[in-house]
Amino acid sequence: MLSTLRIATWNVDRSGIRKKYRINPQIKKLRSIEADILVLTETHESIKPEGYDYHLSAKPDRDYYIDGESFVTIWSRYPLTEIPTTPDNKYFTVCAHIHGPEGIGNMIGYGTIITYGGDGMREGLAKQWERHRAAVKSQSTEWNSLKQCYPNHLRIIAGDFNENLDGKSWYGVKDAKESILKGLELAGMQCPTAEKVIDLLVGDDKLSRSTVDHICVSNGTTKIHSVRAWEGFEDGIILSDHNGIVVEIQIDSSKIISE
């Protein structure tokens, strides 16, 4: 028997502290997606999507974000408990054991930002893409560790990778893109948002920009039902500088892990 799960991710571009008029339209957009698991990046405590009783945020980086902000938050319709991530990733990642219902089973959710190419350059602390490459290496190791610890669980990795993976020259560097895809492969993950063409959520138009935000799921018990995106424009308002992504998967309930 197949059960359906909808996962979405969106970088909401710090609207909790700038251009606050976007908050309500963003929440309205998120409501229309009707995701079961939602990963928000560059988010703020004022962005509270409706219908989610459980959430978990990454540790706040006081050197960069102000009170109420976090790099990443997982919102879930199902109870969750925290799985600590490594010290290198504590600001940029959050991981949860999500206690799914019968027919879906328990899951591992990993929300992330893989830092942007210019991180540390302004302060003279790093060369361009240096911290990004280090983050790819560190997070890839953690993805593989989750596979070793939870080999039979449905695992989800979602968030802002700061790399488009659709083969176009949009944003990123070739070696880091290859490292991300290799890391996902070693972790037993598939990345449906790395496909060449992703349809818009509404209508038949194609995306005018590539997406650097991705949703990946573990192989084995899942089948990708649909992959769609929206560009973040609503009623003439630019809601974000990132596309939003939603992936719907079908789960073979005869193979789920319930403990």
Protein backbone atom coordinates (compact mmCIF):
# COMPACT_ATOMS: atom_id res chain seq x y z
CA MET A 1 0.00 0.00 0.00
CA LEU A 2 1.29 3.47 -0.90
CA SER A 3 1.00 6.52 1.35
CA THR A 4 1.68 10.09 0.21
CA LEU A 5 3.99 12.65 1.85
CA ARG A 6 4.51 16.23 0.69
CA ILE A 7 7.78 18.03 1.50
CA ALA A 8 8.53 21.69 0.76
CA THR A 9 11.40 24.11 1.25
CA TRP A 10 11.73 27.86 0.78
CA ASN A 11 14.30 30.54 1.58
CA VAL A 12 12.13 33.42 2.83
CA ASP A 13 14.96 35.97 2.57
CA ARG A 14 15.00 37.33 6.14
CA SER A 15 11.57 38.89 5.81
CA GLY A 16 11.20 38.89 9.60
CA ILE A 17 13.57 41.88 9.79
CA ARG A 18 13.38 43.48 6.33
CA LYS A 19 10.48 44.04 3.96
CA LYS A 20 8.12 42.78 6.64
CA TYR A 21 5.13 43.34 4.37
CA ARG A 22 6.07 40.00 2.80
CA ILE A 23 5.35 37.96 5.93
CA ASN A 24 1.58 37.53 5.53
CA PRO A 25 1.77 36.82 1.76
CA GLN A 26 4.54 34.30 2.44
CA ILE A 27 2.43 32.55 5.08
CA LYS A 28 -0.54 32.55 2.69
CA LYS A 29 1.63 30.97 0.00
CA LEU A 30 2.91 28.32 2.38
CA ARG A 31 -0.65 27.51 3.42
CA SER A 32 -1.56 26.84 -0.22
CA ILE A 33 1.30 24.32 -0.58
CA GLU A 34 -0.15 22.05 2.13
CA ALA A 35 3.16 20.34 2.87
CA ASP A 36 3.47 17.76 5.62
CA ILE A 37 7.08 18.71 6.30
CA LEU A 38 8.32 22.23 5.60
CA VAL A 39 11.92 23.46 5.76
CA LEU A 40 12.32 27.24 5.85
CA THR A 41 15.70 28.94 5.51
CA GLU A 42 16.79 32.50 6.35
CA THR A 43 13.68 32.54 8.49
CA HIS A 44 12.32 34.31 11.57
CA GLU A 45 10.07 33.43 14.49
CA SER A 46 7.36 35.76 13.12
CA ILE A 47 6.91 33.44 10.12
CA LYS A 48 4.63 30.82 11.61
CA PRO A 49 2.98 28.68 8.95
CA GLU A 50 -0.47 27.44 9.89
CA GLY A 51 -1.22 23.79 10.51
CA TYR A 52 2.13 22.80 12.04
CA ASP A 53 2.19 21.89 15.71
CA TYR A 54 5.88 21.03 15.81
CA HIS A 55 9.06 22.81 14.79
CA LEU A 56 12.77 22.81 15.44
CA SER A 57 15.32 25.53 14.61
CA ALA A 58 19.08 25.60 14.19
CA LYS A 59 21.12 27.29 16.91
CA PRO A 60 21.11 31.09 16.38
CA ASP A 61 24.32 32.63 15.08
CA ARG A 62 24.60 35.77 17.19
CA ASP A 63 27.44 37.12 15.03
CA TYR A 64 25.23 37.33 11.96
CA TYR A 65 21.52 37.10 12.75
CA ILE A 66 19.49 39.16 15.19
CA ASP A 67 17.14 37.81 17.86
CA GLY A 68 14.34 35.69 16.46
CA GLU A 69 16.19 34.65 13.31
CA SER A 70 17.60 31.27 12.37
CA PHE A 71 19.30 29.90 9.30
CA VAL A 72 16.91 26.96 9.13
CA THR A 73 13.71 25.69 10.77
CA ILE A 74 11.89 22.40 10.22
CA TRP A 75 8.10 22.62 10.57
CA SER A 76 6.19 19.34 10.86
CA ARG A 77 2.62 18.11 11.19
CA TYR A 78 4.05 15.22 13.19
CA PRO A 79 5.95 15.17 16.52
CA LEU A 80 9.71 15.47 16.31
CA THR A 81 12.75 15.21 18.51
CA GLU A 82 16.14 16.77 17.90
CA ILE A 83 19.16 14.87 16.62
CA PRO A 84 22.25 17.03 17.32
CA THR A 85 24.35 17.97 14.31
CA THR A 86 28.11 18.42 14.40
CA PRO A 87 29.62 21.63 15.88
CA ASP A 88 30.76 22.70 12.40
CA ASN A 89 27.15 22.67 11.22
CA LYS A 90 25.21 23.78 14.31
CA TYR A 91 24.18 27.19 12.90
CA PHE A 92 23.50 26.04 9.35
CA THR A 93 21.71 22.76 9.96
CA VAL A 94 19.04 21.20 12.12
CA CYS A 95 18.16 17.51 12.27
CA ALA A 96 15.08 15.80 13.66
CA HIS A 97 13.63 12.38 14.24
CA ILE A 98 10.10 12.88 12.90
CA HIS A 99 7.53 10.50 14.37
CA GLY A 100 5.25 9.90 11.41
CA PRO A 101 1.83 8.22 11.55
CA GLU A 102 0.91 4.71 10.52
CA GLY A 103 1.37 4.34 6.78
CA ILE A 104 4.29 6.78 6.70
CA GLY A 105 6.47 5.73 9.62
CA ASN A 106 9.29 7.53 11.34
CA MET A 107 11.65 9.74 9.36
CA ILE A 108 14.90 11.64 9.66
CA GLY A 109 14.65 15.28 8.56
CA TYR A 110 17.80 17.32 7.90
CA GLY A 111 17.33 21.01 7.13
CA THR A 112 20.27 22.96 5.79
CA ILE A 113 21.91 25.99 4.34
CA ILE A 114 25.19 25.24 2.59
CA THR A 115 26.76 28.66 2.94
CA TYR A 116 27.06 31.02 -0.03
CA GLY A 117 30.19 31.52 -2.11
CA GLY A 118 31.26 34.83 -0.57
CA ASP A 119 31.03 33.80 3.08
CA GLY A 120 34.03 35.20 4.96
CA MET A 121 35.44 37.21 2.06
CA ARG A 122 34.39 40.66 3.28
CA GLU A 123 36.08 40.05 6.63
CA GLY A 124 39.19 38.67 4.96
CA LEU A 125 38.70 35.32 6.66
CA ALA A 126 38.25 33.11 3.62
CA LYS A 127 38.68 32.99 -0.12
CA GLN A 128 35.69 32.85 -2.44
CA TRP A 129 33.84 29.50 -2.15
CA GLU A 130 36.31 28.29 0.52
CA ARG A 131 33.73 28.04 3.29
CA HIS A 132 31.15 26.67 0.90
CA ARG A 133 33.44 23.82 -0.15
CA ALA A 134 34.24 23.08 3.50
CA ALA A 135 30.53 23.00 4.32
CA VAL A 136 29.82 20.59 1.46
CA LYS A 137 32.52 18.26 2.77
CA SER A 138 31.33 18.47 6.37
CA GLN A 139 27.64 18.04 5.59
CA SER A 140 28.29 15.21 3.16
CA THR A 141 30.03 13.36 5.98
CA GLU A 142 27.03 13.96 8.20
CA TRP A 143 24.58 12.76 5.52
CA ASN A 144 26.54 9.51 5.28
CA SER A 145 26.60 9.21 9.07
CA LEU A 146 22.80 9.46 9.14
CA LYS A 147 22.65 6.65 6.60
CA GLN A 148 24.80 4.49 8.85
CA CYS A 149 22.74 5.28 11.95
CA TYR A 150 19.31 5.09 10.30
CA PRO A 151 19.74 2.83 7.26
CA ASN A 152 16.09 1.79 7.07
CA HIS A 153 14.44 5.11 7.87
CA LEU A 154 13.11 7.49 5.26
CA ARG A 155 15.70 10.29 5.29
CA ILE A 156 15.01 13.79 3.99
CA ILE A 157 17.57 16.51 3.26
CA ALA A 158 16.12 19.87 2.30
CA GLY A 159 17.09 23.52 2.16
CA ASP A 160 19.30 26.07 0.44
CA PHE A 161 22.33 24.38 -1.16
CA ASN A 162 23.58 27.59 -2.84
CA GLU A 163 24.18 25.54 -5.98
CA ASN A 164 21.82 24.94 -8.89
CA LEU A 165 22.04 21.34 -10.04
CA ASP A 166 20.11 21.49 -13.31
CA GLY A 167 23.17 21.66 -15.57
CA LYS A 168 22.87 25.40 -16.24
CA SER A 169 25.45 28.08 -15.44
CA TRP A 170 23.39 29.87 -12.82
CA TYR A 171 25.11 29.92 -9.43
CA GLY A 172 27.88 27.84 -7.95
CA VAL A 173 31.10 26.09 -8.93
CA LYS A 174 31.53 22.83 -10.81
CA ASP A 175 33.62 20.95 -8.25
CA ALA A 176 31.26 21.73 -5.37
CA LYS A 177 28.24 20.66 -7.43
CA GLU A 178 29.96 17.38 -8.20
CA SER A 179 30.84 16.94 -4.51
CA ILE A 180 27.23 17.54 -3.46
CA LEU A 181 25.90 14.97 -5.91
CA LYS A 182 28.58 12.47 -4.92
CA GLY A 183 27.85 13.04 -1.24
CA LEU A 184 24.15 12.43 -1.80
CA GLU A 185 24.90 9.28 -3.75
CA LEU A 186 27.13 7.91 -0.99
CA ALA A 187 24.40 8.71 1.54
CA GLY A 188 21.88 6.71 -0.47
CA MET A 189 19.89 9.80 -1.44
CA GLN A 190 18.13 10.80 -4.64
CA CYS A 191 17.78 14.46 -5.59
CA PRO A 192 14.72 14.95 -7.81
CA THR A 193 15.22 18.73 -7.78
CA ALA A 194 18.44 18.23 -9.76
CA GLU A 195 16.44 17.36 -12.86
CA LYS A 196 16.85 19.41 -16.03
CA VAL A 197 13.31 20.78 -16.00
CA ILE A 198 11.12 21.58 -13.00
CA ASP A 199 7.55 22.70 -13.66
CA LEU A 200 6.01 25.66 -11.92
CA LEU A 201 3.54 24.86 -9.18
CA VAL A 202 0.76 26.76 -10.96
CA GLY A 203 0.43 26.78 -14.74
CA ASP A 204 2.52 25.36 -17.52
CA ASP A 205 5.20 28.06 -17.71
CA LYS A 206 8.81 27.13 -17.12
CA LEU A 207 10.97 28.67 -14.43
CA SER A 208 12.67 31.92 -15.44
CA ARG A 209 15.53 31.17 -13.04
CA SER A 210 17.27 28.08 -11.77
CA THR A 211 16.78 26.90 -8.22
CA VAL A 212 19.52 26.53 -5.62
CA ASP A 213 17.09 25.01 -3.13
CA HIS A 214 16.69 21.25 -3.11
CA ILE A 215 14.82 18.37 -1.56
CA CYS A 216 16.45 14.95 -1.42
CA VAL A 217 15.00 11.67 -0.14
CA SER A 218 16.53 8.30 0.58
CA ASN A 219 16.28 5.44 -1.86
CA GLY A 220 14.40 2.24 -1.17
CA THR A 221 10.89 2.80 0.12
CA THR A 222 9.92 5.93 -1.82
CA LYS A 223 8.73 6.83 -5.29
CA ILE A 224 8.79 10.42 -6.56
CA HIS A 225 5.26 11.39 -7.53
CA SER A 226 5.80 15.06 -8.48
CA VAL A 227 8.39 17.84 -8.30
CA ARG A 228 7.29 21.43 -8.66
CA ALA A 229 8.50 24.94 -7.97
CA TRP A 230 7.18 28.46 -7.54
CA GLU A 231 9.18 31.63 -8.18
CA GLY A 232 8.12 33.66 -5.17
CA PHE A 233 6.00 36.27 -6.95
CA GLU A 234 2.46 36.85 -5.69
CA ASP A 235 0.07 39.62 -6.76
CA GLY A 236 2.94 41.68 -8.10
CA ILE A 237 4.98 41.36 -4.89
CA ILE A 238 8.43 39.76 -4.85
CA LEU A 239 8.21 37.45 -1.84
CA SER A 240 11.74 36.04 -2.01
CA ASP A 241 14.88 35.97 -4.12
CA HIS A 242 14.64 32.15 -4.10
CA ASN A 243 12.30 29.70 -5.74
CA GLY A 244 10.23 27.51 -3.48
CA ILE A 245 10.23 23.75 -4.03
CA VAL A 246 7.67 21.06 -3.25
CA VAL A 247 8.18 17.32 -3.74
CA GLU A 248 5.43 14.76 -3.30
CA ILE A 249 6.53 11.20 -2.65
CA GLN A 250 4.76 7.90 -2.31
CA ILE A 251 5.87 5.58 0.47
CA ASP A 252 5.59 1.80 0.40
CA SER A 253 4.01 1.30 3.82
CA SER A 254 4.96 -2.38 3.83
CA LYS A 255 8.63 -1.37 4.16
CA ILE A 256 8.45 1.47 6.67
CA ILE A 257 10.21 1.60 10.03
CA SER A 258 7.81 2.38 12.88
CA GLU A 259 10.05 2.28 15.97
